[in-house]
Amino acid sequence: MQGVTLQRTPGHFLYLQVKESNSFPEAFIQSSFFPPPISSTGCQMHFSLYLYGTFNGSLQVAIEENGTADVPLAWERQGQSTDDWEAVALELIGLHHGFYVNVKAVWGQGSSADLAFDNIAIGAACFNTDLNSLLQMPDFDFLSPLPEPSVT
């Protein structure tokens, strides 16, 4: 890790070391499935981003709704940043179906950077405002593995 801040960050976070010599100049992760939002007003996604070093590429967050072919970008970042975490808040609008959050990093020649995500959260206002219902919802873990597809 290049930055002192990332080296001193406690706990777990999603980390990617970007180098131009990597065999595959891109990385992709998809969240677990989120249920259809009850309301699109005030529906937000928050995360902390760490991007430090020479990053000749782009970092993209897209929302993939179940049953639709369109996967619109919700956020994109290019270039370098300082040796610090940056808080990002995105307004998720127009969601009518269950969805996945897709994160993609693509980089090119000359890249040598550390990239990390932490504190990834979708606001409770997206799903329900009733506290009792929220307590009964399953725990949505962004970084949990996707289930294996069944073969019939």
N, C-alpha and C. Protein backbone atom coordinates (compact mmCIF):
# COMPACT_ATOMS: atom_id res chain seq x y z
N MET A 1 0.84 -1.18 0.00
CA MET A 1 0.00 0.00 0.00
C MET A 1 0.89 1.24 0.00
N GLN A 2 0.52 2.19 -0.85
CA GLN A 2 1.35 3.37 -1.02
C GLN A 2 1.09 4.45 0.04
N GLY A 3 -0.15 4.61 0.43
CA GLY A 3 -0.50 5.71 1.33
C GLY A 3 -0.47 5.33 2.79
N VAL A 4 -0.05 6.26 3.62
CA VAL A 4 0.01 6.04 5.06
C VAL A 4 -1.39 5.91 5.65
N THR A 5 -2.34 6.70 5.17
CA THR A 5 -3.70 6.67 5.70
C THR A 5 -4.32 5.28 5.54
N LEU A 6 -4.18 4.68 4.38
CA LEU A 6 -4.76 3.35 4.15
C LEU A 6 -4.08 2.31 5.03
N GLN A 7 -2.78 2.41 5.19
CA GLN A 7 -2.05 1.46 6.04
C GLN A 7 -2.53 1.53 7.48
N ARG A 8 -2.99 2.68 7.91
CA ARG A 8 -3.43 2.87 9.29
C ARG A 8 -4.94 2.72 9.47
N THR A 9 -5.66 2.37 8.41
CA THR A 9 -7.11 2.21 8.51
C THR A 9 -7.44 0.87 9.17
N PRO A 10 -8.15 0.90 10.30
CA PRO A 10 -8.48 -0.35 10.99
C PRO A 10 -9.66 -1.05 10.32
N GLY A 11 -9.84 -2.30 10.66
CA GLY A 11 -11.00 -3.06 10.18
C GLY A 11 -10.83 -3.56 8.76
N HIS A 12 -11.95 -3.83 8.12
CA HIS A 12 -11.98 -4.40 6.78
C HIS A 12 -12.46 -3.37 5.78
N PHE A 13 -11.97 -3.47 4.57
CA PHE A 13 -12.42 -2.63 3.47
C PHE A 13 -12.12 -3.37 2.17
N LEU A 14 -12.79 -2.97 1.11
CA LEU A 14 -12.57 -3.56 -0.21
C LEU A 14 -11.36 -2.86 -0.82
N TYR A 15 -10.32 -3.61 -1.15
CA TYR A 15 -9.05 -3.04 -1.60
C TYR A 15 -8.64 -3.59 -2.97
N LEU A 16 -8.11 -2.70 -3.81
CA LEU A 16 -7.58 -3.09 -5.12
C LEU A 16 -6.29 -2.35 -5.36
N GLN A 17 -5.23 -3.10 -5.64
CA GLN A 17 -3.96 -2.48 -6.02
C GLN A 17 -3.92 -2.45 -7.55
N VAL A 18 -3.84 -1.25 -8.10
CA VAL A 18 -3.86 -1.05 -9.55
C VAL A 18 -2.43 -0.87 -10.05
N LYS A 19 -2.05 -1.70 -11.02
CA LYS A 19 -0.74 -1.56 -11.66
C LYS A 19 -0.91 -1.80 -13.14
N GLU A 20 -0.16 -1.07 -13.94
CA GLU A 20 -0.29 -1.24 -15.38
C GLU A 20 0.15 -2.62 -15.83
N SER A 21 0.94 -3.32 -15.01
CA SER A 21 1.42 -4.64 -15.39
C SER A 21 0.41 -5.75 -15.10
N ASN A 22 -0.72 -5.43 -14.47
CA ASN A 22 -1.73 -6.46 -14.21
C ASN A 22 -2.20 -7.08 -15.53
N SER A 23 -2.46 -8.37 -15.53
CA SER A 23 -2.91 -9.06 -16.74
C SER A 23 -4.23 -8.51 -17.26
N PHE A 24 -5.12 -8.16 -16.33
CA PHE A 24 -6.42 -7.64 -16.70
C PHE A 24 -6.51 -6.20 -16.20
N PRO A 25 -6.59 -5.23 -17.11
CA PRO A 25 -6.61 -3.82 -16.69
C PRO A 25 -8.00 -3.34 -16.24
N GLU A 26 -8.75 -4.22 -15.59
CA GLU A 26 -10.04 -3.82 -15.04
C GLU A 26 -10.45 -4.79 -13.94
N ALA A 27 -11.31 -4.30 -13.07
CA ALA A 27 -11.85 -5.11 -11.98
C ALA A 27 -13.31 -4.76 -11.82
N PHE A 28 -14.13 -5.74 -11.41
CA PHE A 28 -15.57 -5.55 -11.30
C PHE A 28 -16.07 -6.30 -10.07
N ILE A 29 -16.98 -5.67 -9.34
CA ILE A 29 -17.64 -6.35 -8.23
C ILE A 29 -19.12 -5.97 -8.26
N GLN A 30 -19.96 -6.93 -7.90
CA GLN A 30 -21.40 -6.70 -7.86
C GLN A 30 -21.89 -7.00 -6.45
N SER A 31 -22.76 -6.14 -5.95
CA SER A 31 -23.32 -6.32 -4.61
C SER A 31 -24.28 -7.50 -4.57
N SER A 32 -24.71 -7.81 -3.37
CA SER A 32 -25.83 -8.71 -3.20
C SER A 32 -27.08 -8.01 -3.74
N PHE A 33 -28.16 -8.75 -3.90
CA PHE A 33 -29.41 -8.21 -4.44
C PHE A 33 -30.13 -7.38 -3.37
N PHE A 34 -30.59 -6.19 -3.75
CA PHE A 34 -31.40 -5.36 -2.87
C PHE A 34 -32.85 -5.42 -3.34
N PRO A 35 -33.81 -5.44 -2.42
CA PRO A 35 -35.22 -5.52 -2.81
C PRO A 35 -35.68 -4.21 -3.48
N PRO A 36 -36.84 -4.24 -4.11
CA PRO A 36 -37.36 -3.01 -4.73
C PRO A 36 -37.53 -1.92 -3.68
N PRO A 37 -37.11 -0.70 -3.99
CA PRO A 37 -37.31 0.40 -3.04
C PRO A 37 -38.79 0.70 -2.85
N ILE A 38 -39.15 1.09 -1.66
CA ILE A 38 -40.52 1.50 -1.38
C ILE A 38 -40.72 2.93 -1.83
N SER A 39 -39.67 3.74 -1.74
CA SER A 39 -39.74 5.13 -2.13
C SER A 39 -38.42 5.53 -2.77
N SER A 40 -38.50 6.34 -3.81
CA SER A 40 -37.27 6.81 -4.44
C SER A 40 -36.90 8.21 -3.92
N THR A 41 -37.73 8.79 -3.08
CA THR A 41 -37.39 10.10 -2.52
C THR A 41 -36.47 9.90 -1.32
N GLY A 42 -35.36 10.58 -1.34
CA GLY A 42 -34.41 10.48 -0.25
C GLY A 42 -33.61 9.20 -0.24
N CYS A 43 -33.66 8.44 -1.31
CA CYS A 43 -32.93 7.18 -1.39
C CYS A 43 -31.47 7.49 -1.75
N GLN A 44 -30.56 7.17 -0.83
CA GLN A 44 -29.16 7.49 -1.04
C GLN A 44 -28.26 6.29 -0.81
N MET A 45 -27.14 6.32 -1.49
CA MET A 45 -26.05 5.36 -1.27
C MET A 45 -24.86 6.18 -0.78
N HIS A 46 -24.22 5.69 0.27
CA HIS A 46 -23.04 6.34 0.82
C HIS A 46 -21.88 5.36 0.79
N PHE A 47 -20.69 5.86 0.57
CA PHE A 47 -19.49 5.04 0.72
C PHE A 47 -18.29 5.95 0.94
N SER A 48 -17.22 5.36 1.42
CA SER A 48 -15.95 6.06 1.56
C SER A 48 -15.03 5.53 0.48
N LEU A 49 -14.34 6.44 -0.19
CA LEU A 49 -13.44 6.09 -1.29
C LEU A 49 -12.03 6.51 -0.94
N TYR A 50 -11.10 5.62 -1.22
CA TYR A 50 -9.69 5.93 -1.10
C TYR A 50 -9.06 5.67 -2.46
N LEU A 51 -8.47 6.68 -3.05
CA LEU A 51 -7.79 6.56 -4.35
C LEU A 51 -6.51 7.36 -4.26
N TYR A 52 -5.38 6.66 -4.26
CA TYR A 52 -4.10 7.34 -4.08
C TYR A 52 -3.06 6.74 -5.01
N GLY A 53 -2.32 7.59 -5.68
CA GLY A 53 -1.29 7.17 -6.61
C GLY A 53 -1.65 7.67 -8.01
N THR A 54 -1.01 7.10 -9.00
CA THR A 54 -1.27 7.47 -10.39
C THR A 54 -2.33 6.53 -10.94
N PHE A 55 -3.49 7.08 -11.18
CA PHE A 55 -4.62 6.28 -11.68
C PHE A 55 -5.05 6.84 -13.03
N ASN A 56 -4.63 6.20 -14.09
CA ASN A 56 -4.99 6.59 -15.45
C ASN A 56 -6.16 5.74 -15.91
N GLY A 57 -7.31 6.06 -15.40
CA GLY A 57 -8.49 5.28 -15.72
C GLY A 57 -9.73 5.89 -15.11
N SER A 58 -10.74 5.05 -14.93
CA SER A 58 -11.98 5.54 -14.33
C SER A 58 -12.53 4.51 -13.35
N LEU A 59 -13.22 5.03 -12.39
CA LEU A 59 -13.92 4.23 -11.39
C LEU A 59 -15.40 4.55 -11.55
N GLN A 60 -16.24 3.52 -11.69
CA GLN A 60 -17.66 3.73 -11.99
C GLN A 60 -18.54 2.95 -11.03
N VAL A 61 -19.64 3.57 -10.63
CA VAL A 61 -20.68 2.91 -9.85
C VAL A 61 -21.95 2.98 -10.67
N ALA A 62 -22.55 1.83 -10.93
CA ALA A 62 -23.78 1.75 -11.73
C ALA A 62 -24.82 0.95 -10.97
N ILE A 63 -26.08 1.24 -11.25
CA ILE A 63 -27.20 0.53 -10.62
C ILE A 63 -27.85 -0.35 -11.68
N GLU A 64 -27.87 -1.66 -11.44
CA GLU A 64 -28.46 -2.62 -12.37
C GLU A 64 -29.80 -3.09 -11.80
N GLU A 65 -30.88 -2.59 -12.40
CA GLU A 65 -32.21 -2.99 -11.92
C GLU A 65 -32.60 -4.33 -12.51
N ASN A 66 -33.20 -5.18 -11.69
CA ASN A 66 -33.66 -6.48 -12.12
C ASN A 66 -34.76 -6.29 -13.17
N GLY A 67 -34.67 -7.00 -14.26
CA GLY A 67 -35.70 -6.95 -15.29
C GLY A 67 -35.53 -5.82 -16.29
N THR A 68 -34.43 -5.07 -16.21
CA THR A 68 -34.19 -4.02 -17.20
C THR A 68 -32.83 -4.25 -17.84
N ALA A 69 -32.68 -3.83 -19.07
CA ALA A 69 -31.42 -4.01 -19.78
C ALA A 69 -30.47 -2.84 -19.56
N ASP A 70 -30.99 -1.70 -19.16
CA ASP A 70 -30.21 -0.49 -18.98
C ASP A 70 -29.49 -0.52 -17.64
N VAL A 71 -28.19 -0.21 -17.64
CA VAL A 71 -27.40 -0.14 -16.41
C VAL A 71 -26.76 1.25 -16.36
N PRO A 72 -27.52 2.26 -15.91
CA PRO A 72 -27.00 3.63 -15.94
C PRO A 72 -25.94 3.88 -14.87
N LEU A 73 -24.98 4.74 -15.23
CA LEU A 73 -23.97 5.16 -14.27
C LEU A 73 -24.60 6.05 -13.21
N ALA A 74 -24.29 5.80 -11.97
CA ALA A 74 -24.75 6.65 -10.88
C ALA A 74 -23.64 7.60 -10.46
N TRP A 75 -22.37 7.22 -10.78
CA TRP A 75 -21.23 8.02 -10.35
C TRP A 75 -20.00 7.57 -11.12
N GLU A 76 -19.10 8.51 -11.42
CA GLU A 76 -17.83 8.18 -12.07
C GLU A 76 -16.75 9.10 -11.56
N ARG A 77 -15.53 8.55 -11.44
CA ARG A 77 -14.39 9.32 -10.96
C ARG A 77 -13.19 8.99 -11.81
N GLN A 78 -12.41 10.00 -12.18
CA GLN A 78 -11.17 9.80 -12.91
C GLN A 78 -10.07 10.58 -12.22
N GLY A 79 -8.84 10.16 -12.41
CA GLY A 79 -7.71 10.91 -11.88
C GLY A 79 -7.29 10.49 -10.49
N GLN A 80 -6.37 11.29 -9.92
CA GLN A 80 -5.77 11.00 -8.63
C GLN A 80 -6.52 11.69 -7.50
N SER A 81 -6.14 11.31 -6.31
CA SER A 81 -6.69 11.92 -5.11
C SER A 81 -5.57 11.99 -4.08
N THR A 82 -5.85 12.57 -2.93
CA THR A 82 -4.84 12.68 -1.89
C THR A 82 -4.86 11.43 -1.00
N ASP A 83 -3.90 11.34 -0.11
CA ASP A 83 -3.76 10.21 0.80
C ASP A 83 -4.78 10.34 1.93
N ASP A 84 -6.07 10.22 1.57
CA ASP A 84 -7.13 10.37 2.56
C ASP A 84 -8.41 9.72 2.03
N TRP A 85 -9.32 9.41 2.93
CA TRP A 85 -10.62 8.87 2.57
C TRP A 85 -11.54 10.02 2.17
N GLU A 86 -12.37 9.80 1.17
CA GLU A 86 -13.34 10.79 0.70
C GLU A 86 -14.74 10.21 0.87
N ALA A 87 -15.63 10.98 1.49
CA ALA A 87 -17.02 10.54 1.65
C ALA A 87 -17.80 10.88 0.39
N VAL A 88 -18.56 9.90 -0.11
CA VAL A 88 -19.36 10.09 -1.32
C VAL A 88 -20.81 9.74 -0.99
N ALA A 89 -21.73 10.59 -1.43
CA ALA A 89 -23.17 10.35 -1.26
C ALA A 89 -23.83 10.48 -2.62
N LEU A 90 -24.57 9.47 -3.02
CA LEU A 90 -25.26 9.45 -4.31
C LEU A 90 -26.76 9.39 -4.09
N GLU A 91 -27.50 10.16 -4.84
CA GLU A 91 -28.96 10.10 -4.84
C GLU A 91 -29.36 9.03 -5.85
N LEU A 92 -30.07 8.01 -5.40
CA LEU A 92 -30.53 6.94 -6.29
C LEU A 92 -31.97 7.25 -6.66
N ILE A 93 -32.18 7.63 -7.91
CA ILE A 93 -33.51 8.05 -8.35
C ILE A 93 -34.06 7.10 -9.41
N GLY A 94 -35.36 7.04 -9.47
CA GLY A 94 -36.03 6.27 -10.51
C GLY A 94 -35.94 4.77 -10.37
N LEU A 95 -35.68 4.25 -9.19
CA LEU A 95 -35.62 2.80 -8.99
C LEU A 95 -37.02 2.26 -8.73
N HIS A 96 -37.40 1.23 -9.50
CA HIS A 96 -38.73 0.64 -9.35
C HIS A 96 -38.69 -0.86 -9.11
N HIS A 97 -37.51 -1.46 -9.28
CA HIS A 97 -37.34 -2.91 -9.16
C HIS A 97 -36.21 -3.19 -8.17
N GLY A 98 -36.06 -4.45 -7.81
CA GLY A 98 -34.90 -4.86 -7.04
C GLY A 98 -33.65 -4.55 -7.85
N PHE A 99 -32.50 -4.41 -7.19
CA PHE A 99 -31.31 -3.98 -7.93
C PHE A 99 -30.02 -4.49 -7.31
N TYR A 100 -28.96 -4.37 -8.10
CA TYR A 100 -27.59 -4.65 -7.71
C TYR A 100 -26.81 -3.35 -7.86
N VAL A 101 -25.76 -3.20 -7.09
CA VAL A 101 -24.83 -2.10 -7.27
C VAL A 101 -23.57 -2.69 -7.90
N ASN A 102 -23.17 -2.15 -9.05
CA ASN A 102 -21.97 -2.60 -9.75
C ASN A 102 -20.87 -1.56 -9.59
N VAL A 103 -19.68 -2.00 -9.25
CA VAL A 103 -18.52 -1.12 -9.16
C VAL A 103 -17.47 -1.66 -10.14
N LYS A 104 -16.97 -0.76 -10.99
CA LYS A 104 -16.00 -1.17 -12.00
C LYS A 104 -14.84 -0.19 -12.03
N ALA A 105 -13.63 -0.72 -12.07
CA ALA A 105 -12.42 0.09 -12.23
C ALA A 105 -11.74 -0.35 -13.51
N VAL A 106 -11.36 0.62 -14.32
CA VAL A 106 -10.65 0.37 -15.58
C VAL A 106 -9.44 1.29 -15.58
N TRP A 107 -8.25 0.76 -15.88
CA TRP A 107 -7.05 1.59 -15.85
C TRP A 107 -6.15 1.28 -17.03
N GLY A 108 -5.23 2.21 -17.30
CA GLY A 108 -4.35 2.09 -18.45
C GLY A 108 -2.88 2.23 -18.07
N GLN A 109 -2.09 2.44 -19.09
CA GLN A 109 -0.65 2.53 -18.98
C GLN A 109 -0.24 3.63 -17.98
N GLY A 110 0.77 3.32 -17.21
CA GLY A 110 1.29 4.28 -16.24
C GLY A 110 0.58 4.27 -14.91
N SER A 111 -0.42 3.42 -14.75
CA SER A 111 -1.18 3.38 -13.51
C SER A 111 -0.43 2.61 -12.42
N SER A 112 -0.43 3.18 -11.24
CA SER A 112 0.11 2.54 -10.05
C SER A 112 -0.56 3.22 -8.86
N ALA A 113 -1.65 2.62 -8.38
CA ALA A 113 -2.46 3.29 -7.35
C ALA A 113 -3.08 2.26 -6.41
N ASP A 114 -3.49 2.76 -5.27
CA ASP A 114 -4.28 1.99 -4.31
C ASP A 114 -5.70 2.52 -4.37
N LEU A 115 -6.65 1.62 -4.41
CA LEU A 115 -8.05 1.98 -4.47
C LEU A 115 -8.78 1.17 -3.41
N ALA A 116 -9.63 1.82 -2.62
CA ALA A 116 -10.36 1.10 -1.57
C ALA A 116 -11.74 1.71 -1.37
N PHE A 117 -12.69 0.86 -0.98
CA PHE A 117 -14.05 1.26 -0.62
C PHE A 117 -14.30 0.80 0.82
N ASP A 118 -15.03 1.62 1.56
CA ASP A 118 -15.38 1.26 2.93
C ASP A 118 -16.72 1.90 3.26
N ASN A 119 -17.35 1.43 4.31
CA ASN A 119 -18.61 2.01 4.81
C ASN A 119 -19.66 2.14 3.72
N ILE A 120 -19.83 1.10 2.93
CA ILE A 120 -20.81 1.11 1.84
C ILE A 120 -22.19 0.87 2.43
N ALA A 121 -23.13 1.79 2.16
CA ALA A 121 -24.47 1.67 2.74
C ALA A 121 -25.52 2.23 1.80
N ILE A 122 -26.65 1.57 1.75
CA ILE A 122 -27.84 2.08 1.06
C ILE A 122 -28.78 2.52 2.17
N GLY A 123 -29.27 3.76 2.08
CA GLY A 123 -30.10 4.33 3.13
C GLY A 123 -31.38 3.56 3.37
N ALA A 124 -31.77 3.47 4.64
CA ALA A 124 -32.98 2.77 5.02
C ALA A 124 -34.22 3.41 4.40
N ALA A 125 -34.16 4.70 4.09
CA ALA A 125 -35.30 5.40 3.48
C ALA A 125 -35.66 4.82 2.11
N CYS A 126 -34.74 4.12 1.49
CA CYS A 126 -35.02 3.50 0.19
C CYS A 126 -36.04 2.37 0.32
N PHE A 127 -36.07 1.72 1.47
CA PHE A 127 -36.85 0.50 1.60
C PHE A 127 -38.08 0.64 2.47
N ASN A 128 -37.96 1.24 3.62
CA ASN A 128 -39.11 1.37 4.49
C ASN A 128 -38.75 2.31 5.63
N THR A 129 -39.72 3.08 6.10
CA THR A 129 -39.45 3.97 7.21
C THR A 129 -39.93 3.41 8.53
N ASP A 130 -40.58 2.27 8.51
CA ASP A 130 -41.07 1.63 9.72
C ASP A 130 -39.93 0.86 10.38
N LEU A 131 -39.52 1.28 11.56
CA LEU A 131 -38.39 0.68 12.25
C LEU A 131 -38.59 -0.81 12.50
N ASN A 132 -39.81 -1.24 12.84
CA ASN A 132 -40.07 -2.66 13.09
C ASN A 132 -39.84 -3.49 11.84
N SER A 133 -40.24 -2.98 10.67
CA SER A 133 -40.01 -3.70 9.42
C SER A 133 -38.53 -3.77 9.10
N LEU A 134 -37.79 -2.68 9.36
CA LEU A 134 -36.36 -2.68 9.10
C LEU A 134 -35.64 -3.72 9.95
N LEU A 135 -36.07 -3.88 11.17
CA LEU A 135 -35.42 -4.84 12.05
C LEU A 135 -35.65 -6.27 11.60
N GLN A 136 -36.71 -6.51 10.82
CA GLN A 136 -37.02 -7.86 10.35
C GLN A 136 -36.39 -8.15 8.98
N MET A 137 -35.84 -7.12 8.32
CA MET A 137 -35.22 -7.33 7.01
C MET A 137 -33.92 -8.10 7.16
N PRO A 138 -33.58 -8.95 6.18
CA PRO A 138 -32.29 -9.65 6.25
C PRO A 138 -31.15 -8.63 6.15
N ASP A 139 -30.00 -9.00 6.66
CA ASP A 139 -28.83 -8.14 6.63
C ASP A 139 -28.25 -8.15 5.21
N PHE A 140 -28.19 -6.99 4.58
CA PHE A 140 -27.66 -6.89 3.22
C PHE A 140 -26.19 -6.56 3.31
N ASP A 141 -25.35 -7.52 2.99
CA ASP A 141 -23.91 -7.35 3.05
C ASP A 141 -23.39 -7.16 1.63
N PHE A 142 -22.91 -5.96 1.34
CA PHE A 142 -22.45 -5.62 0.00
C PHE A 142 -21.37 -6.57 -0.49
N LEU A 143 -20.51 -7.03 0.40
CA LEU A 143 -19.36 -7.82 0.00
C LEU A 143 -19.56 -9.32 0.11
N SER A 144 -20.78 -9.77 0.43
CA SER A 144 -21.00 -11.21 0.52
C SER A 144 -20.98 -11.82 -0.87
N PRO A 145 -20.50 -13.06 -0.99
CA PRO A 145 -20.42 -13.70 -2.31
C PRO A 145 -21.81 -13.97 -2.87
N LEU A 146 -21.90 -13.93 -4.19
CA LEU A 146 -23.15 -14.27 -4.85
C LEU A 146 -23.36 -15.76 -4.80
N PRO A 147 -24.61 -16.23 -4.72
CA PRO A 147 -24.85 -17.67 -4.70
C PRO A 147 -24.48 -18.28 -6.05
N GLU A 148 -24.06 -19.53 -6.00
CA GLU A 148 -23.73 -20.25 -7.24
C GLU A 148 -25.01 -20.49 -8.04
N PRO A 149 -24.95 -20.32 -9.37
CA PRO A 149 -26.15 -20.59 -10.15
C PRO A 149 -26.47 -22.08 -10.14
N SER A 150 -27.76 -22.40 -10.12
CA SER A 150 -28.16 -23.81 -10.12
C SER A 150 -28.19 -24.33 -11.54
N VAL A 151 -27.82 -25.60 -11.69
CA VAL A 151 -27.80 -26.24 -13.00
C VAL A 151 -28.93 -27.25 -13.02
N THR A 152 -29.80 -27.13 -14.03
CA THR A 152 -30.90 -28.09 -14.12
C THR A 152 -30.83 -28.87 -15.39
